[in-house]
Amino acid sequence: MAGQLFPQLPHRTHGQKMQEPPKNIEEFLKLQNLDHWPKEIHLWDSDKLLYTMKKIKEDSSFTSIYTHLWGNVLRVDDAAMAMESRLAECSILLKNHASEIFEWNRIISRTISHGKLKQYKAFLKKYHKEKKIMIVL
């Protein structure tokens, strides 16, 4: 039963010897059956090589990598930033609405007699329900 759970590895006999890895490039080429290998590398266009090297250095600088990651990788705090901006927007709307209520209160107090104003305030106190908003982060 245990043999079914774990695959059996082939056992080496004591007489077999493992092949040693190649110690230099010539042994590696012989082992891979490669006959042709360039002995010298000629760079025909050194200006193009210098431009490519300069471009690689620029592309692998800290600033370019940081800029690329900042623009292309999603950040964990994106949702928090969106929520924060939405809360700021709602706060502005609430302030505008509250200022309009205070303006109406001034208009009502000027136009309505003092007795009707007391009745209105009593009505608001009687039927006012406090609303709570819970925000879970």
N, C-alpha and C. Protein backbone atom coordinates (compact mmCIF):
# COMPACT_ATOMS: atom_id res chain seq x y z
N MET A 1 0.83 -1.18 0.00
CA MET A 1 0.00 0.00 0.00
C MET A 1 0.87 1.24 0.00
N ALA A 2 1.95 1.22 0.78
CA ALA A 2 2.84 2.38 0.81
C ALA A 2 3.53 2.55 -0.52
N GLY A 3 3.75 1.47 -1.24
CA GLY A 3 4.38 1.55 -2.54
C GLY A 3 3.51 2.26 -3.57
N GLN A 4 2.21 2.22 -3.38
CA GLN A 4 1.30 2.88 -4.31
C GLN A 4 1.28 4.39 -4.09
N LEU A 5 1.49 4.82 -2.85
CA LEU A 5 1.43 6.25 -2.55
C LEU A 5 2.67 7.00 -3.05
N PHE A 6 3.82 6.38 -2.92
CA PHE A 6 5.07 7.05 -3.28
C PHE A 6 5.72 6.31 -4.44
N PRO A 7 6.11 7.03 -5.50
CA PRO A 7 6.76 6.35 -6.62
C PRO A 7 8.13 5.83 -6.21
N GLN A 8 8.46 4.68 -6.74
CA GLN A 8 9.74 4.08 -6.43
C GLN A 8 10.83 4.72 -7.30
N LEU A 9 11.91 5.16 -6.67
CA LEU A 9 13.03 5.72 -7.39
C LEU A 9 13.93 4.59 -7.87
N PRO A 10 14.54 4.75 -9.06
CA PRO A 10 15.45 3.68 -9.52
C PRO A 10 16.68 3.63 -8.61
N HIS A 11 17.03 2.43 -8.23
CA HIS A 11 18.19 2.27 -7.35
C HIS A 11 19.45 2.12 -8.18
N ARG A 12 20.53 2.75 -7.71
CA ARG A 12 21.82 2.62 -8.36
C ARG A 12 22.57 1.46 -7.74
N THR A 13 23.19 0.72 -8.58
CA THR A 13 24.04 -0.33 -8.03
C THR A 13 25.37 0.29 -7.65
N HIS A 14 26.07 -0.35 -6.78
CA HIS A 14 27.32 0.21 -6.27
C HIS A 14 28.40 0.29 -7.33
N GLY A 15 28.30 -0.49 -8.38
CA GLY A 15 29.32 -0.50 -9.41
C GLY A 15 29.22 0.67 -10.38
N GLN A 16 28.04 1.29 -10.51
CA GLN A 16 27.86 2.38 -11.47
C GLN A 16 28.50 3.65 -10.92
N LYS A 17 29.05 4.43 -11.85
CA LYS A 17 29.67 5.69 -11.47
C LYS A 17 28.93 6.81 -12.18
N MET A 18 28.64 7.91 -11.44
CA MET A 18 27.96 9.05 -12.06
C MET A 18 28.92 9.79 -12.97
N GLN A 19 28.39 10.31 -14.05
CA GLN A 19 29.20 11.07 -14.99
C GLN A 19 29.51 12.43 -14.39
N GLU A 20 30.75 12.83 -14.45
CA GLU A 20 31.14 14.12 -13.89
C GLU A 20 30.76 15.24 -14.86
N PRO A 21 30.39 16.40 -14.33
CA PRO A 21 30.06 17.52 -15.21
C PRO A 21 31.30 18.05 -15.92
N PRO A 22 31.13 18.70 -17.07
CA PRO A 22 32.29 19.23 -17.79
C PRO A 22 32.99 20.32 -16.98
N LYS A 23 34.31 20.36 -17.11
CA LYS A 23 35.10 21.33 -16.34
C LYS A 23 35.45 22.57 -17.14
N ASN A 24 35.38 22.49 -18.45
CA ASN A 24 35.66 23.67 -19.28
C ASN A 24 34.74 23.65 -20.50
N ILE A 25 34.84 24.67 -21.33
CA ILE A 25 33.93 24.83 -22.47
C ILE A 25 34.15 23.74 -23.52
N GLU A 26 35.40 23.30 -23.71
CA GLU A 26 35.67 22.27 -24.70
C GLU A 26 34.99 20.95 -24.32
N GLU A 27 35.09 20.59 -23.04
CA GLU A 27 34.43 19.37 -22.58
C GLU A 27 32.91 19.48 -22.72
N PHE A 28 32.38 20.66 -22.45
CA PHE A 28 30.94 20.88 -22.59
C PHE A 28 30.51 20.71 -24.04
N LEU A 29 31.29 21.29 -24.98
CA LEU A 29 30.96 21.17 -26.40
C LEU A 29 31.03 19.72 -26.87
N LYS A 30 32.02 18.98 -26.39
CA LYS A 30 32.12 17.56 -26.75
C LYS A 30 30.92 16.78 -26.20
N LEU A 31 30.54 17.09 -24.96
CA LEU A 31 29.43 16.40 -24.33
C LEU A 31 28.11 16.68 -25.06
N GLN A 32 27.94 17.88 -25.58
CA GLN A 32 26.71 18.26 -26.28
C GLN A 32 26.79 17.99 -27.78
N ASN A 33 27.90 17.43 -28.25
CA ASN A 33 28.13 17.14 -29.67
C ASN A 33 28.04 18.41 -30.53
N LEU A 34 28.63 19.47 -30.05
CA LEU A 34 28.66 20.73 -30.80
C LEU A 34 30.04 20.88 -31.42
N ASP A 35 30.08 20.97 -32.76
CA ASP A 35 31.36 21.09 -33.45
C ASP A 35 31.75 22.54 -33.64
N HIS A 36 30.77 23.42 -33.85
CA HIS A 36 31.08 24.81 -34.18
C HIS A 36 30.76 25.71 -32.99
N TRP A 37 31.69 26.50 -32.63
CA TRP A 37 31.50 27.50 -31.59
C TRP A 37 32.37 28.70 -31.94
N PRO A 38 31.82 29.89 -31.96
CA PRO A 38 32.66 31.03 -32.36
C PRO A 38 33.77 31.28 -31.34
N LYS A 39 34.98 31.36 -31.85
CA LYS A 39 36.13 31.59 -30.98
C LYS A 39 36.22 33.06 -30.57
N GLU A 40 35.87 33.94 -31.48
CA GLU A 40 35.92 35.37 -31.20
C GLU A 40 34.59 35.99 -31.60
N ILE A 41 34.20 36.99 -30.85
CA ILE A 41 32.97 37.70 -31.16
C ILE A 41 33.36 39.07 -31.71
N HIS A 42 32.87 39.36 -32.91
CA HIS A 42 33.16 40.65 -33.53
C HIS A 42 31.94 41.55 -33.43
N LEU A 43 32.14 42.72 -32.90
CA LEU A 43 31.06 43.70 -32.82
C LEU A 43 31.26 44.69 -33.95
N TRP A 44 30.39 44.60 -34.97
CA TRP A 44 30.58 45.41 -36.16
C TRP A 44 30.22 46.87 -35.92
N ASP A 45 29.16 47.12 -35.20
CA ASP A 45 28.70 48.49 -35.03
C ASP A 45 28.81 48.87 -33.55
N SER A 46 29.91 49.50 -33.19
CA SER A 46 30.12 49.84 -31.79
C SER A 46 29.21 50.98 -31.34
N ASP A 47 28.82 51.90 -32.28
CA ASP A 47 27.90 52.98 -31.91
C ASP A 47 26.54 52.42 -31.50
N LYS A 48 26.09 51.44 -32.26
CA LYS A 48 24.81 50.81 -31.94
C LYS A 48 24.90 50.09 -30.59
N LEU A 49 26.03 49.44 -30.34
CA LEU A 49 26.24 48.76 -29.07
C LEU A 49 26.25 49.76 -27.92
N LEU A 50 26.95 50.88 -28.10
CA LEU A 50 26.99 51.91 -27.05
C LEU A 50 25.61 52.48 -26.78
N TYR A 51 24.84 52.71 -27.85
CA TYR A 51 23.48 53.23 -27.68
C TYR A 51 22.62 52.21 -26.92
N THR A 52 22.76 50.93 -27.28
CA THR A 52 21.98 49.89 -26.61
C THR A 52 22.36 49.80 -25.14
N MET A 53 23.65 49.87 -24.84
CA MET A 53 24.09 49.81 -23.44
C MET A 53 23.57 51.01 -22.65
N LYS A 54 23.60 52.18 -23.27
CA LYS A 54 23.11 53.39 -22.61
C LYS A 54 21.61 53.25 -22.34
N LYS A 55 20.88 52.72 -23.32
CA LYS A 55 19.43 52.54 -23.18
C LYS A 55 19.12 51.54 -22.06
N ILE A 56 19.90 50.48 -21.97
CA ILE A 56 19.71 49.49 -20.91
C ILE A 56 19.94 50.12 -19.55
N LYS A 57 20.99 50.94 -19.43
CA LYS A 57 21.27 51.62 -18.16
C LYS A 57 20.12 52.55 -17.78
N GLU A 58 19.58 53.28 -18.76
CA GLU A 58 18.47 54.20 -18.48
C GLU A 58 17.22 53.42 -18.07
N ASP A 59 16.96 52.32 -18.78
CA ASP A 59 15.75 51.55 -18.49
C ASP A 59 15.83 50.79 -17.18
N SER A 60 17.04 50.53 -16.71
CA SER A 60 17.17 49.78 -15.46
C SER A 60 17.49 50.68 -14.28
N SER A 61 17.34 51.99 -14.44
CA SER A 61 17.58 52.89 -13.31
C SER A 61 16.43 52.80 -12.33
N PHE A 62 16.69 53.20 -11.10
CA PHE A 62 15.67 53.15 -10.05
C PHE A 62 14.46 53.99 -10.42
N THR A 63 14.71 55.18 -10.97
CA THR A 63 13.62 56.10 -11.30
C THR A 63 12.71 55.52 -12.38
N SER A 64 13.30 54.96 -13.43
CA SER A 64 12.47 54.42 -14.51
C SER A 64 11.68 53.19 -14.06
N ILE A 65 12.30 52.34 -13.25
CA ILE A 65 11.59 51.16 -12.75
C ILE A 65 10.45 51.60 -11.83
N TYR A 66 10.72 52.56 -10.93
CA TYR A 66 9.70 53.06 -10.01
C TYR A 66 8.54 53.68 -10.78
N THR A 67 8.86 54.50 -11.79
CA THR A 67 7.81 55.14 -12.59
C THR A 67 6.97 54.10 -13.32
N HIS A 68 7.62 53.11 -13.89
CA HIS A 68 6.89 52.06 -14.61
C HIS A 68 5.97 51.29 -13.66
N LEU A 69 6.49 50.90 -12.50
CA LEU A 69 5.67 50.15 -11.55
C LEU A 69 4.53 51.00 -11.02
N TRP A 70 4.78 52.29 -10.75
CA TRP A 70 3.74 53.18 -10.23
C TRP A 70 2.59 53.31 -11.23
N GLY A 71 2.93 53.35 -12.51
CA GLY A 71 1.90 53.52 -13.52
C GLY A 71 1.18 52.24 -13.91
N ASN A 72 1.81 51.09 -13.76
CA ASN A 72 1.24 49.86 -14.32
C ASN A 72 0.81 48.81 -13.30
N VAL A 73 1.25 48.92 -12.06
CA VAL A 73 0.93 47.91 -11.07
C VAL A 73 -0.17 48.43 -10.15
N LEU A 74 -1.17 47.59 -9.91
CA LEU A 74 -2.25 47.98 -9.02
C LEU A 74 -1.72 48.09 -7.59
N ARG A 75 -2.18 49.10 -6.92
CA ARG A 75 -1.75 49.31 -5.55
C ARG A 75 -2.87 48.88 -4.61
N VAL A 76 -2.48 48.45 -3.43
CA VAL A 76 -3.44 47.99 -2.44
C VAL A 76 -4.31 49.14 -1.96
N ASP A 77 -3.74 50.32 -1.90
CA ASP A 77 -4.47 51.46 -1.33
C ASP A 77 -5.37 52.17 -2.34
N ASP A 78 -5.53 51.65 -3.55
CA ASP A 78 -6.43 52.29 -4.53
C ASP A 78 -7.86 52.34 -4.03
N ALA A 79 -8.33 51.26 -3.42
CA ALA A 79 -9.70 51.24 -2.90
C ALA A 79 -9.86 52.25 -1.78
N ALA A 80 -8.86 52.33 -0.91
CA ALA A 80 -8.93 53.30 0.19
C ALA A 80 -8.91 54.73 -0.34
N MET A 81 -8.10 54.97 -1.38
CA MET A 81 -8.06 56.31 -1.96
C MET A 81 -9.39 56.66 -2.61
N ALA A 82 -10.01 55.70 -3.29
CA ALA A 82 -11.31 55.95 -3.91
C ALA A 82 -12.37 56.23 -2.85
N MET A 83 -12.32 55.46 -1.75
CA MET A 83 -13.28 55.68 -0.67
C MET A 83 -13.05 57.05 -0.03
N GLU A 84 -11.80 57.42 0.15
CA GLU A 84 -11.49 58.72 0.75
C GLU A 84 -11.99 59.86 -0.12
N SER A 85 -11.80 59.76 -1.42
CA SER A 85 -12.28 60.82 -2.31
C SER A 85 -13.80 60.87 -2.32
N ARG A 86 -14.45 59.70 -2.27
CA ARG A 86 -15.92 59.68 -2.23
C ARG A 86 -16.44 60.28 -0.93
N LEU A 87 -15.76 59.99 0.19
CA LEU A 87 -16.15 60.58 1.47
C LEU A 87 -15.98 62.09 1.46
N ALA A 88 -14.91 62.57 0.84
CA ALA A 88 -14.71 64.02 0.73
C ALA A 88 -15.82 64.65 -0.10
N GLU A 89 -16.20 63.99 -1.19
CA GLU A 89 -17.28 64.49 -2.04
C GLU A 89 -18.60 64.53 -1.26
N CYS A 90 -18.89 63.47 -0.51
CA CYS A 90 -20.12 63.42 0.29
C CYS A 90 -20.10 64.48 1.38
N SER A 91 -18.93 64.74 1.94
CA SER A 91 -18.80 65.76 2.98
C SER A 91 -19.14 67.14 2.41
N ILE A 92 -18.67 67.43 1.22
CA ILE A 92 -18.98 68.72 0.58
C ILE A 92 -20.47 68.82 0.31
N LEU A 93 -21.07 67.74 -0.20
CA LEU A 93 -22.52 67.75 -0.45
C LEU A 93 -23.31 67.96 0.84
N LEU A 94 -22.86 67.33 1.92
CA LEU A 94 -23.53 67.48 3.21
C LEU A 94 -23.43 68.91 3.72
N LYS A 95 -22.25 69.52 3.59
CA LYS A 95 -22.08 70.91 4.02
C LYS A 95 -22.99 71.84 3.22
N ASN A 96 -23.07 71.62 1.92
CA ASN A 96 -23.95 72.45 1.09
C ASN A 96 -25.41 72.28 1.50
N HIS A 97 -25.81 71.04 1.75
CA HIS A 97 -27.19 70.78 2.16
C HIS A 97 -27.48 71.41 3.52
N ALA A 98 -26.54 71.29 4.46
CA ALA A 98 -26.73 71.88 5.79
C ALA A 98 -26.82 73.39 5.71
N SER A 99 -26.01 74.01 4.85
CA SER A 99 -26.07 75.47 4.73
C SER A 99 -27.43 75.90 4.16
N GLU A 100 -27.98 75.09 3.24
CA GLU A 100 -29.31 75.41 2.71
C GLU A 100 -30.38 75.28 3.79
N ILE A 101 -30.25 74.28 4.66
CA ILE A 101 -31.21 74.13 5.76
C ILE A 101 -31.17 75.35 6.67
N PHE A 102 -29.95 75.81 6.99
CA PHE A 102 -29.83 76.99 7.85
C PHE A 102 -30.42 78.22 7.17
N GLU A 103 -30.25 78.32 5.86
CA GLU A 103 -30.86 79.44 5.13
C GLU A 103 -32.38 79.35 5.20
N TRP A 104 -32.94 78.16 5.04
CA TRP A 104 -34.39 77.99 5.13
C TRP A 104 -34.88 78.35 6.52
N ASN A 105 -34.08 77.98 7.54
CA ASN A 105 -34.46 78.30 8.92
C ASN A 105 -34.57 79.81 9.11
N ARG A 106 -33.64 80.56 8.53
CA ARG A 106 -33.69 82.02 8.63
C ARG A 106 -34.90 82.57 7.88
N ILE A 107 -35.16 82.02 6.70
CA ILE A 107 -36.30 82.48 5.90
C ILE A 107 -37.61 82.18 6.63
N ILE A 108 -37.71 80.97 7.20
CA ILE A 108 -38.93 80.59 7.92
C ILE A 108 -39.13 81.49 9.13
N SER A 109 -38.06 81.77 9.85
CA SER A 109 -38.21 82.58 11.06
C SER A 109 -38.61 84.02 10.72
N ARG A 110 -38.26 84.50 9.54
CA ARG A 110 -38.65 85.85 9.15
C ARG A 110 -40.10 85.90 8.68
N THR A 111 -40.55 84.87 7.99
CA THR A 111 -41.88 84.92 7.36
C THR A 111 -42.99 84.39 8.25
N ILE A 112 -42.67 83.46 9.14
CA ILE A 112 -43.71 82.84 9.96
C ILE A 112 -43.75 83.54 11.32
N SER A 113 -44.92 83.60 11.85
CA SER A 113 -45.06 84.21 13.17
C SER A 113 -44.35 83.35 14.21
N HIS A 114 -44.07 83.95 15.35
CA HIS A 114 -43.32 83.28 16.40
C HIS A 114 -44.07 82.05 16.92
N GLY A 115 -45.37 82.09 17.00
CA GLY A 115 -46.18 80.97 17.47
C GLY A 115 -46.11 79.78 16.54
N LYS A 116 -46.20 80.05 15.24
CA LYS A 116 -46.12 78.96 14.26
C LYS A 116 -44.72 78.35 14.25
N LEU A 117 -43.71 79.19 14.50
CA LEU A 117 -42.34 78.68 14.54
C LEU A 117 -42.18 77.70 15.70
N LYS A 118 -42.78 78.01 16.85
CA LYS A 118 -42.70 77.10 18.00
C LYS A 118 -43.41 75.78 17.69
N GLN A 119 -44.56 75.86 17.01
CA GLN A 119 -45.28 74.64 16.64
C GLN A 119 -44.43 73.79 15.67
N TYR A 120 -43.77 74.47 14.75
CA TYR A 120 -42.92 73.77 13.77
C TYR A 120 -41.76 73.07 14.48
N LYS A 121 -41.11 73.77 15.42
CA LYS A 121 -39.99 73.17 16.16
C LYS A 121 -40.46 72.00 17.02
N ALA A 122 -41.64 72.13 17.64
CA ALA A 122 -42.19 71.03 18.44
C ALA A 122 -42.47 69.82 17.56
N PHE A 123 -43.00 70.06 16.37
CA PHE A 123 -43.26 68.98 15.42
C PHE A 123 -41.97 68.27 15.05
N LEU A 124 -40.92 69.06 14.78
CA LEU A 124 -39.63 68.46 14.41
C LEU A 124 -39.06 67.64 15.56
N LYS A 125 -39.17 68.13 16.80
CA LYS A 125 -38.65 67.40 17.95
C LYS A 125 -39.42 66.09 18.15
N LYS A 126 -40.72 66.13 17.93
CA LYS A 126 -41.56 64.96 18.17
C LYS A 126 -41.25 63.84 17.17
N TYR A 127 -41.08 64.19 15.91
CA TYR A 127 -40.91 63.17 14.87
C TYR A 127 -39.47 63.01 14.37
N HIS A 128 -38.54 63.63 15.05
CA HIS A 128 -37.13 63.54 14.63
C HIS A 128 -36.56 62.17 15.04
N LYS A 129 -35.95 61.49 14.09
CA LYS A 129 -35.27 60.22 14.36
C LYS A 129 -33.80 60.40 14.03
N GLU A 130 -32.97 59.97 14.95
CA GLU A 130 -31.53 60.09 14.73
C GLU A 130 -31.07 58.94 13.84
N LYS A 131 -30.37 59.27 12.80
CA LYS A 131 -29.87 58.26 11.87
C LYS A 131 -28.37 58.11 12.08
N LYS A 132 -27.93 56.88 12.08
CA LYS A 132 -26.50 56.60 12.26
C LYS A 132 -25.99 55.88 11.02
N ILE A 133 -24.78 56.21 10.66
CA ILE A 133 -24.13 55.57 9.52
C ILE A 133 -22.89 54.87 10.05
N MET A 134 -22.76 53.59 9.73
CA MET A 134 -21.60 52.84 10.18
C MET A 134 -20.70 52.58 8.98
N ILE A 135 -19.44 52.90 9.14
CA ILE A 135 -18.46 52.66 8.08
C ILE A 135 -17.48 51.62 8.59
N VAL A 136 -17.34 50.54 7.87
CA VAL A 136 -16.43 49.48 8.24
C VAL A 136 -15.29 49.46 7.24
N LEU A 137 -14.07 49.55 7.73
CA LEU A 137 -12.89 49.52 6.84
C LEU A 137 -12.21 48.20 6.95
